[in-house]
């Protein structure tokens, strides 16, 4: 039985019912909220494992909700929104969202994103402390703690960014194709996964570059093929 509790924050009743029916069918527990104030109250009261958040709510913008929740909680937040521009996705991720799903979405894709988040939560609890550190130049990944450091200063990464970085690190020096990466991260290769990959790589690189003192390039793009972590 799936014991994960998901808070569904969506003001459109048809979309909300689609999501909750999907969750119920796949043995998730769920809580519903139709506006921002309810979302904040339900988050603080029931402490869900994952939040599915629409940005276009009637009372509080979703970006503001993310920022408020991040002042006191690290609960995974998956944005589900009709805003499809890369700038909107980057704003949400920079504010503290962990993943971004664009409307209209498929049920299979929604479930895939939930499974990725669940695996991330499970891996943080069950990481073997042996061989738990990766170092490359200024970059250090502590797998046991689920933390990333640049020059011994911690960098906050979303679960997807962290998973991408770990995948590149464990294949240090190798070119990983787009399909290989999306299948490992999302368990699928939807067109939207490829678009999301580009957005997450942009935010991940920005965080690494901002924290690096040497200006070294950690992630190299191979146009039309994929990405590689450079050995430093």
C-alpha atoms as a PDB file:
ATOM      1  CA  UNK A   1       0.000   0.000   0.000  1.00  0.00           C
ATOM      2  CA  UNK A   2       1.341   3.426  -0.979  1.00  0.00           C
ATOM      3  CA  UNK A   3       1.386   5.573   2.170  1.00  0.00           C
ATOM      4  CA  UNK A   4       2.608   8.779   0.529  1.00  0.00           C
ATOM      5  CA  UNK A   5       0.330  11.750   1.239  1.00  0.00           C
ATOM      6  CA  UNK A   6      -0.014  14.335  -1.539  1.00  0.00           C
ATOM      7  CA  UNK A   7      -1.472  17.826  -1.116  1.00  0.00           C
ATOM      8  CA  UNK A   8      -3.255  18.850  -4.333  1.00  0.00           C
ATOM      9  CA  UNK A   9      -3.470  22.649  -4.663  1.00  0.00           C
ATOM     10  CA  UNK A  10      -5.686  23.420  -7.671  1.00  0.00           C
ATOM     11  CA  UNK A  11      -8.612  25.837  -8.088  1.00  0.00           C
ATOM     12  CA  UNK A  12      -9.981  24.194 -11.264  1.00  0.00           C
ATOM     13  CA  UNK A  13     -12.338  21.506  -9.964  1.00  0.00           C
ATOM     14  CA  UNK A  14     -12.093  19.383 -13.138  1.00  0.00           C
ATOM     15  CA  UNK A  15      -8.293  19.258 -12.999  1.00  0.00           C
ATOM     16  CA  UNK A  16      -8.356  18.739  -9.233  1.00  0.00           C
ATOM     17  CA  UNK A  17     -10.737  15.798  -9.609  1.00  0.00           C
ATOM     18  CA  UNK A  18      -8.582  14.275 -12.359  1.00  0.00           C
ATOM     19  CA  UNK A  19      -5.507  14.451 -10.143  1.00  0.00           C
ATOM     20  CA  UNK A  20      -7.184  13.134  -6.992  1.00  0.00           C
ATOM     21  CA  UNK A  21      -8.857  10.286  -8.888  1.00  0.00           C
ATOM     22  CA  UNK A  22      -5.470   9.324 -10.338  1.00  0.00           C
ATOM     23  CA  UNK A  23      -3.885   9.426  -6.890  1.00  0.00           C
ATOM     24  CA  UNK A  24      -6.646   7.346  -5.344  1.00  0.00           C
ATOM     25  CA  UNK A  25      -6.414   4.755  -8.117  1.00  0.00           C
ATOM     26  CA  UNK A  26      -2.679   4.343  -7.430  1.00  0.00           C
ATOM     27  CA  UNK A  27      -3.055   4.126  -3.624  1.00  0.00           C
ATOM     28  CA  UNK A  28      -1.829   7.591  -2.719  1.00  0.00           C
ATOM     29  CA  UNK A  29      -3.429   9.466   0.143  1.00  0.00           C
ATOM     30  CA  UNK A  30      -4.386  13.023  -0.743  1.00  0.00           C
ATOM     31  CA  UNK A  31      -5.534  16.327   0.688  1.00  0.00           C
ATOM     32  CA  UNK A  32      -7.237  19.017  -1.402  1.00  0.00           C
ATOM     33  CA  UNK A  33      -6.860  22.796  -1.391  1.00  0.00           C
ATOM     34  CA  UNK A  34      -8.585  25.192  -3.813  1.00  0.00           C
ATOM     35  CA  UNK A  35      -6.600  28.342  -2.977  1.00  0.00           C
ATOM     36  CA  UNK A  36      -3.341  29.589  -1.534  1.00  0.00           C
ATOM     37  CA  UNK A  37      -4.505  30.227   2.003  1.00  0.00           C
ATOM     38  CA  UNK A  38      -5.880  26.686   2.268  1.00  0.00           C
ATOM     39  CA  UNK A  39      -2.647  25.329   0.818  1.00  0.00           C
ATOM     40  CA  UNK A  40      -0.547  27.035   3.476  1.00  0.00           C
ATOM     41  CA  UNK A  41      -2.881  25.888   6.253  1.00  0.00           C
ATOM     42  CA  UNK A  42      -3.000  22.268   5.031  1.00  0.00           C
ATOM     43  CA  UNK A  43       0.795  22.191   4.641  1.00  0.00           C
ATOM     44  CA  UNK A  44       1.408  23.366   8.191  1.00  0.00           C
ATOM     45  CA  UNK A  45      -1.365  21.247   9.711  1.00  0.00           C
ATOM     46  CA  UNK A  46      -1.051  17.913   7.884  1.00  0.00           C
ATOM     47  CA  UNK A  47       2.611  18.035   6.735  1.00  0.00           C
ATOM     48  CA  UNK A  48       2.122  16.199   3.385  1.00  0.00           C
ATOM     49  CA  UNK A  49       4.971  14.222   1.827  1.00  0.00           C
ATOM     50  CA  UNK A  50       4.615  15.940  -1.574  1.00  0.00           C
ATOM     51  CA  UNK A  51       2.759  19.038  -2.812  1.00  0.00           C
ATOM     52  CA  UNK A  52       1.254  19.367  -6.306  1.00  0.00           C
ATOM     53  CA  UNK A  53       0.846  23.117  -6.817  1.00  0.00           C
ATOM     54  CA  UNK A  54      -0.949  25.147  -9.470  1.00  0.00           C
ATOM     55  CA  UNK A  55       0.588  28.614  -9.890  1.00  0.00           C
ATOM     56  CA  UNK A  56      -2.546  30.436 -11.046  1.00  0.00           C
ATOM     57  CA  UNK A  57      -4.567  30.479  -7.825  1.00  0.00           C
ATOM     58  CA  UNK A  58      -7.298  33.045  -7.104  1.00  0.00           C
ATOM     59  CA  UNK A  59      -5.830  34.570  -3.934  1.00  0.00           C
ATOM     60  CA  UNK A  60      -2.045  34.051  -3.787  1.00  0.00           C
ATOM     61  CA  UNK A  61       0.326  33.518  -6.705  1.00  0.00           C
ATOM     62  CA  UNK A  62       1.942  30.072  -6.636  1.00  0.00           C
ATOM     63  CA  UNK A  63       5.457  31.526  -6.654  1.00  0.00           C
ATOM     64  CA  UNK A  64       4.688  33.365  -3.404  1.00  0.00           C
ATOM     65  CA  UNK A  65       3.318  30.153  -1.896  1.00  0.00           C
ATOM     66  CA  UNK A  66       6.558  28.324  -2.751  1.00  0.00           C
ATOM     67  CA  UNK A  67       8.627  31.098  -1.150  1.00  0.00           C
ATOM     68  CA  UNK A  68       6.494  31.081   2.016  1.00  0.00           C
ATOM     69  CA  UNK A  69       6.645  27.308   2.428  1.00  0.00           C
ATOM     70  CA  UNK A  70      10.401  27.325   1.890  1.00  0.00           C
ATOM     71  CA  UNK A  71      10.885  29.565   4.921  1.00  0.00           C
ATOM     72  CA  UNK A  72       9.948  26.639   7.170  1.00  0.00           C
ATOM     73  CA  UNK A  73       9.690  23.402   5.156  1.00  0.00           C
ATOM     74  CA  UNK A  74      11.637  21.404   2.571  1.00  0.00           C
ATOM     75  CA  UNK A  75       8.613  19.348   1.465  1.00  0.00           C
ATOM     76  CA  UNK A  76       8.952  18.469  -2.250  1.00  0.00           C
ATOM     77  CA  UNK A  77       6.836  20.795  -4.419  1.00  0.00           C
ATOM     78  CA  UNK A  78       5.865  19.768  -7.953  1.00  0.00           C
ATOM     79  CA  UNK A  79       4.394  22.681  -9.886  1.00  0.00           C
ATOM     80  CA  UNK A  80       1.541  21.912 -12.303  1.00  0.00           C
ATOM     81  CA  UNK A  81       0.840  24.982 -14.402  1.00  0.00           C
ATOM     82  CA  UNK A  82      -0.363  26.287 -17.768  1.00  0.00           C
ATOM     83  CA  UNK A  83       2.582  28.711 -17.735  1.00  0.00           C
ATOM     84  CA  UNK A  84       4.908  27.028 -20.217  1.00  0.00           C
ATOM     85  CA  UNK A  85       7.686  29.564 -20.825  1.00  0.00           C
ATOM     86  CA  UNK A  86      11.170  28.591 -19.655  1.00  0.00           C
ATOM     87  CA  UNK A  87      11.339  31.828 -17.630  1.00  0.00           C
ATOM     88  CA  UNK A  88       8.241  30.772 -15.668  1.00  0.00           C
ATOM     89  CA  UNK A  89       9.749  27.367 -14.954  1.00  0.00           C
ATOM     90  CA  UNK A  90      13.072  28.862 -13.898  1.00  0.00           C
ATOM     91  CA  UNK A  91      11.320  31.381 -11.600  1.00  0.00           C
ATOM     92  CA  UNK A  92       9.429  28.536  -9.906  1.00  0.00           C
ATOM     93  CA  UNK A  93      12.545  26.383  -9.534  1.00  0.00           C
ATOM     94  CA  UNK A  94      14.634  29.307  -8.264  1.00  0.00           C
ATOM     95  CA  UNK A  95      11.925  30.019  -5.692  1.00  0.00           C
ATOM     96  CA  UNK A  96      12.232  26.479  -4.343  1.00  0.00           C
ATOM     97  CA  UNK A  97      10.022  24.211  -6.463  1.00  0.00           C
ATOM     98  CA  UNK A  98      11.418  20.725  -7.038  1.00  0.00           C
ATOM     99  CA  UNK A  99       9.819  19.868 -10.385  1.00  0.00           C
ATOM    100  CA  UNK A 100       7.557  21.439 -13.028  1.00  0.00           C
ATOM    101  CA  UNK A 101       4.802  19.839 -15.078  1.00  0.00           C
ATOM    102  CA  UNK A 102       3.090  21.823 -17.842  1.00  0.00           C
ATOM    103  CA  UNK A 103      -0.654  21.636 -18.525  1.00  0.00           C
ATOM    104  CA  UNK A 104      -2.087  19.790 -20.314  1.00  0.00           C
ATOM    105  CA  UNK A 105      -0.259  16.778 -18.875  1.00  0.00           C
ATOM    106  CA  UNK A 106      -0.689  13.030 -19.152  1.00  0.00           C
ATOM    107  CA  UNK A 107      -1.546  10.894 -16.146  1.00  0.00           C
ATOM    108  CA  UNK A 108       1.476   8.691 -16.886  1.00  0.00           C
ATOM    109  CA  UNK A 109       3.761  11.709 -16.763  1.00  0.00           C
ATOM    110  CA  UNK A 110       2.288  12.903 -13.466  1.00  0.00           C
ATOM    111  CA  UNK A 111       2.816   9.465 -11.918  1.00  0.00           C
ATOM    112  CA  UNK A 112       6.380   9.348 -13.253  1.00  0.00           C
ATOM    113  CA  UNK A 113       7.183  12.680 -11.572  1.00  0.00           C
ATOM    114  CA  UNK A 114       5.723  11.435  -8.301  1.00  0.00           C
ATOM    115  CA  UNK A 115       7.798   8.241  -8.463  1.00  0.00           C
ATOM    116  CA  UNK A 116      10.980  10.273  -9.028  1.00  0.00           C
ATOM    117  CA  UNK A 117      10.231  12.376  -5.954  1.00  0.00           C
ATOM    118  CA  UNK A 118       9.455   9.285  -3.872  1.00  0.00           C
ATOM    119  CA  UNK A 119      12.743   7.646  -4.906  1.00  0.00           C
ATOM    120  CA  UNK A 120      14.589  10.806  -3.932  1.00  0.00           C
ATOM    121  CA  UNK A 121      12.940  10.826  -0.497  1.00  0.00           C
ATOM    122  CA  UNK A 122      13.697   7.130  -0.005  1.00  0.00           C
ATOM    123  CA  UNK A 123      17.324   7.475  -1.092  1.00  0.00           C
ATOM    124  CA  UNK A 124      17.914  10.210   1.480  1.00  0.00           C
ATOM    125  CA  UNK A 125      16.795   7.801   4.211  1.00  0.00           C
ATOM    126  CA  UNK A 126      18.583   4.689   2.976  1.00  0.00           C
ATOM    127  CA  UNK A 127      21.925   5.793   1.524  1.00  0.00           C
ATOM    128  CA  UNK A 128      24.846   3.502   2.408  1.00  0.00           C
ATOM    129  CA  UNK A 129      27.455   5.640   4.171  1.00  0.00           C
ATOM    130  CA  UNK A 130      30.312   3.730   2.516  1.00  0.00           C
ATOM    131  CA  UNK A 131      31.773   5.417  -0.575  1.00  0.00           C
ATOM    132  CA  UNK A 132      29.320   8.208   0.089  1.00  0.00           C
ATOM    133  CA  UNK A 133      31.382  11.181  -1.112  1.00  0.00           C
ATOM    134  CA  UNK A 134      32.222  12.370  -4.632  1.00  0.00           C
ATOM    135  CA  UNK A 135      34.778  15.125  -5.256  1.00  0.00           C
ATOM    136  CA  UNK A 136      35.578  16.877  -8.536  1.00  0.00           C
ATOM    137  CA  UNK A 137      37.489  20.149  -8.368  1.00  0.00           C
ATOM    138  CA  UNK A 138      35.650  22.477  -5.997  1.00  0.00           C
ATOM    139  CA  UNK A 139      32.555  20.280  -6.124  1.00  0.00           C
ATOM    140  CA  UNK A 140      31.735  17.763  -3.394  1.00  0.00           C
ATOM    141  CA  UNK A 141      28.640  15.558  -3.190  1.00  0.00           C
ATOM    142  CA  UNK A 142      27.775  13.909   0.134  1.00  0.00           C
ATOM    143  CA  UNK A 143      25.474  11.075  -0.944  1.00  0.00           C
ATOM    144  CA  UNK A 144      24.720   9.990   2.611  1.00  0.00           C
ATOM    145  CA  UNK A 145      23.465  13.435   3.575  1.00  0.00           C
ATOM    146  CA  UNK A 146      21.974  14.230   0.183  1.00  0.00           C
ATOM    147  CA  UNK A 147      23.987  17.464   0.154  1.00  0.00           C
ATOM    148  CA  UNK A 148      26.136  19.315  -2.385  1.00  0.00           C
ATOM    149  CA  UNK A 149      29.011  21.665  -1.587  1.00  0.00           C
ATOM    150  CA  UNK A 150      31.147  24.038  -3.609  1.00  0.00           C
ATOM    151  CA  UNK A 151      34.278  25.201  -1.773  1.00  0.00           C
ATOM    152  CA  UNK A 152      32.735  23.690   1.381  1.00  0.00           C
ATOM    153  CA  UNK A 153      29.676  25.957   1.086  1.00  0.00           C
ATOM    154  CA  UNK A 154      26.395  24.054   0.713  1.00  0.00           C
ATOM    155  CA  UNK A 155      24.316  24.597  -2.427  1.00  0.00           C
ATOM    156  CA  UNK A 156      20.561  24.055  -2.235  1.00  0.00           C
ATOM    157  CA  UNK A 157      19.430  21.861  -5.124  1.00  0.00           C
ATOM    158  CA  UNK A 158      15.955  20.606  -5.948  1.00  0.00           C
ATOM    159  CA  UNK A 159      15.520  16.803  -5.997  1.00  0.00           C
ATOM    160  CA  UNK A 160      15.644  16.760  -9.808  1.00  0.00           C
ATOM    161  CA  UNK A 161      18.770  18.950  -9.926  1.00  0.00           C
ATOM    162  CA  UNK A 162      20.410  16.748  -7.302  1.00  0.00           C
ATOM    163  CA  UNK A 163      19.508  13.571  -9.177  1.00  0.00           C
ATOM    164  CA  UNK A 164      20.870  15.035 -12.432  1.00  0.00           C
ATOM    165  CA  UNK A 165      24.109  16.039 -10.756  1.00  0.00           C
ATOM    166  CA  UNK A 166      24.532  12.595  -9.167  1.00  0.00           C
ATOM    167  CA  UNK A 167      23.873  10.879 -12.505  1.00  0.00           C
ATOM    168  CA  UNK A 168      26.511  13.016 -14.209  1.00  0.00           C
ATOM    169  CA  UNK A 169      28.932  12.530 -11.310  1.00  0.00           C
ATOM    170  CA  UNK A 170      28.596   8.748 -11.335  1.00  0.00           C
ATOM    171  CA  UNK A 171      29.378   8.859 -15.067  1.00  0.00           C
ATOM    172  CA  UNK A 172      32.101  11.493 -14.714  1.00  0.00           C
ATOM    173  CA  UNK A 173      33.764  12.188 -18.069  1.00  0.00           C
ATOM    174  CA  UNK A 174      31.157  10.286 -20.104  1.00  0.00           C
ATOM    175  CA  UNK A 175      28.693  11.855 -22.535  1.00  0.00           C
ATOM    176  CA  UNK A 176      25.139  10.929 -21.495  1.00  0.00           C
ATOM    177  CA  UNK A 177      22.450  11.145 -24.172  1.00  0.00           C
ATOM    178  CA  UNK A 178      19.190  13.014 -23.648  1.00  0.00           C
ATOM    179  CA  UNK A 179      17.209   9.762 -23.696  1.00  0.00           C
ATOM    180  CA  UNK A 180      19.547   8.069 -21.208  1.00  0.00           C
ATOM    181  CA  UNK A 181      19.203  10.993 -18.806  1.00  0.00           C
ATOM    182  CA  UNK A 182      15.423  11.384 -19.075  1.00  0.00           C
ATOM    183  CA  UNK A 183      14.858   7.646 -18.649  1.00  0.00           C
ATOM    184  CA  UNK A 184      17.027   7.637 -15.526  1.00  0.00           C
ATOM    185  CA  UNK A 185      15.482  10.774 -14.049  1.00  0.00           C
ATOM    186  CA  UNK A 186      11.811  10.496 -15.031  1.00  0.00           C
ATOM    187  CA  UNK A 187      11.574   6.886 -16.174  1.00  0.00           C
ATOM    188  CA  UNK A 188      10.355   8.054 -19.575  1.00  0.00           C
ATOM    189  CA  UNK A 189      11.286  10.102 -22.640  1.00  0.00           C
ATOM    190  CA  UNK A 190       8.262  12.323 -23.172  1.00  0.00           C
ATOM    191  CA  UNK A 191       8.865  15.428 -25.294  1.00  0.00           C
ATOM    192  CA  UNK A 192       8.117  17.459 -22.177  1.00  0.00           C
ATOM    193  CA  UNK A 193      10.888  15.563 -20.349  1.00  0.00           C
ATOM    194  CA  UNK A 194      13.409  16.845 -22.905  1.00  0.00           C
ATOM    195  CA  UNK A 195      12.167  20.397 -22.422  1.00  0.00           C
ATOM    196  CA  UNK A 196      12.295  19.992 -18.655  1.00  0.00           C
ATOM    197  CA  UNK A 197      15.817  18.592 -18.895  1.00  0.00           C
ATOM    198  CA  UNK A 198      16.967  21.780 -20.627  1.00  0.00           C
ATOM    199  CA  UNK A 199      15.376  23.939 -17.934  1.00  0.00           C
ATOM    200  CA  UNK A 200      16.818  21.906 -15.040  1.00  0.00           C
ATOM    201  CA  UNK A 201      20.286  21.922 -16.612  1.00  0.00           C
ATOM    202  CA  UNK A 202      20.048  25.711 -16.901  1.00  0.00           C
ATOM    203  CA  UNK A 203      19.181  26.150 -13.222  1.00  0.00           C
ATOM    204  CA  UNK A 204      21.738  23.546 -12.096  1.00  0.00           C
ATOM    205  CA  UNK A 205      24.528  25.196 -14.070  1.00  0.00           C
ATOM    206  CA  UNK A 206      23.583  28.629 -12.753  1.00  0.00           C
ATOM    207  CA  UNK A 207      23.876  27.393  -9.152  1.00  0.00           C
ATOM    208  CA  UNK A 208      27.228  25.691  -9.797  1.00  0.00           C
ATOM    209  CA  UNK A 209      28.661  28.670 -11.687  1.00  0.00           C
ATOM    210  CA  UNK A 210      27.495  31.130  -9.023  1.00  0.00           C
ATOM    211  CA  UNK A 211      29.254  29.151  -6.282  1.00  0.00           C
ATOM    212  CA  UNK A 212      32.469  28.342  -8.168  1.00  0.00           C
ATOM    213  CA  UNK A 213      35.432  30.614  -7.464  1.00  0.00           C
ATOM    214  CA  UNK A 214      37.618  29.219 -10.245  1.00  0.00           C
ATOM    215  CA  UNK A 215      35.131  29.703 -13.081  1.00  0.00           C
ATOM    216  CA  UNK A 216      35.596  26.079 -14.151  1.00  0.00           C
ATOM    217  CA  UNK A 217      32.874  24.531 -16.302  1.00  0.00           C
ATOM    218  CA  UNK A 218      31.486  21.414 -14.646  1.00  0.00           C
ATOM    219  CA  UNK A 219      28.772  20.479 -17.132  1.00  0.00           C
ATOM    220  CA  UNK A 220      29.433  20.439 -20.855  1.00  0.00           C
ATOM    221  CA  UNK A 221      26.662  20.460 -23.472  1.00  0.00           C
ATOM    222  CA  UNK A 222      26.965  18.248 -26.538  1.00  0.00           C
ATOM    223  CA  UNK A 223      24.466  19.884 -28.885  1.00  0.00           C
ATOM    224  CA  UNK A 224      21.836  17.457 -30.143  1.00  0.00           C
ATOM    225  CA  UNK A 225      23.324  14.593 -28.081  1.00  0.00           C
ATOM    226  CA  UNK A 226      23.372  15.234 -24.346  1.00  0.00           C
ATOM    227  CA  UNK A 227      25.579  16.361 -21.451  1.00  0.00           C
ATOM    228  CA  UNK A 228      28.835  15.410 -19.737  1.00  0.00           C
ATOM    229  CA  UNK A 229      30.479  16.258 -16.433  1.00  0.00           C
ATOM    230  CA  UNK A 230      34.041  17.375 -17.052  1.00  0.00           C
ATOM    231  CA  UNK A 231      36.766  15.763 -14.966  1.00  0.00           C
ATOM    232  CA  UNK A 232      38.595  18.544 -13.110  1.00  0.00           C
END
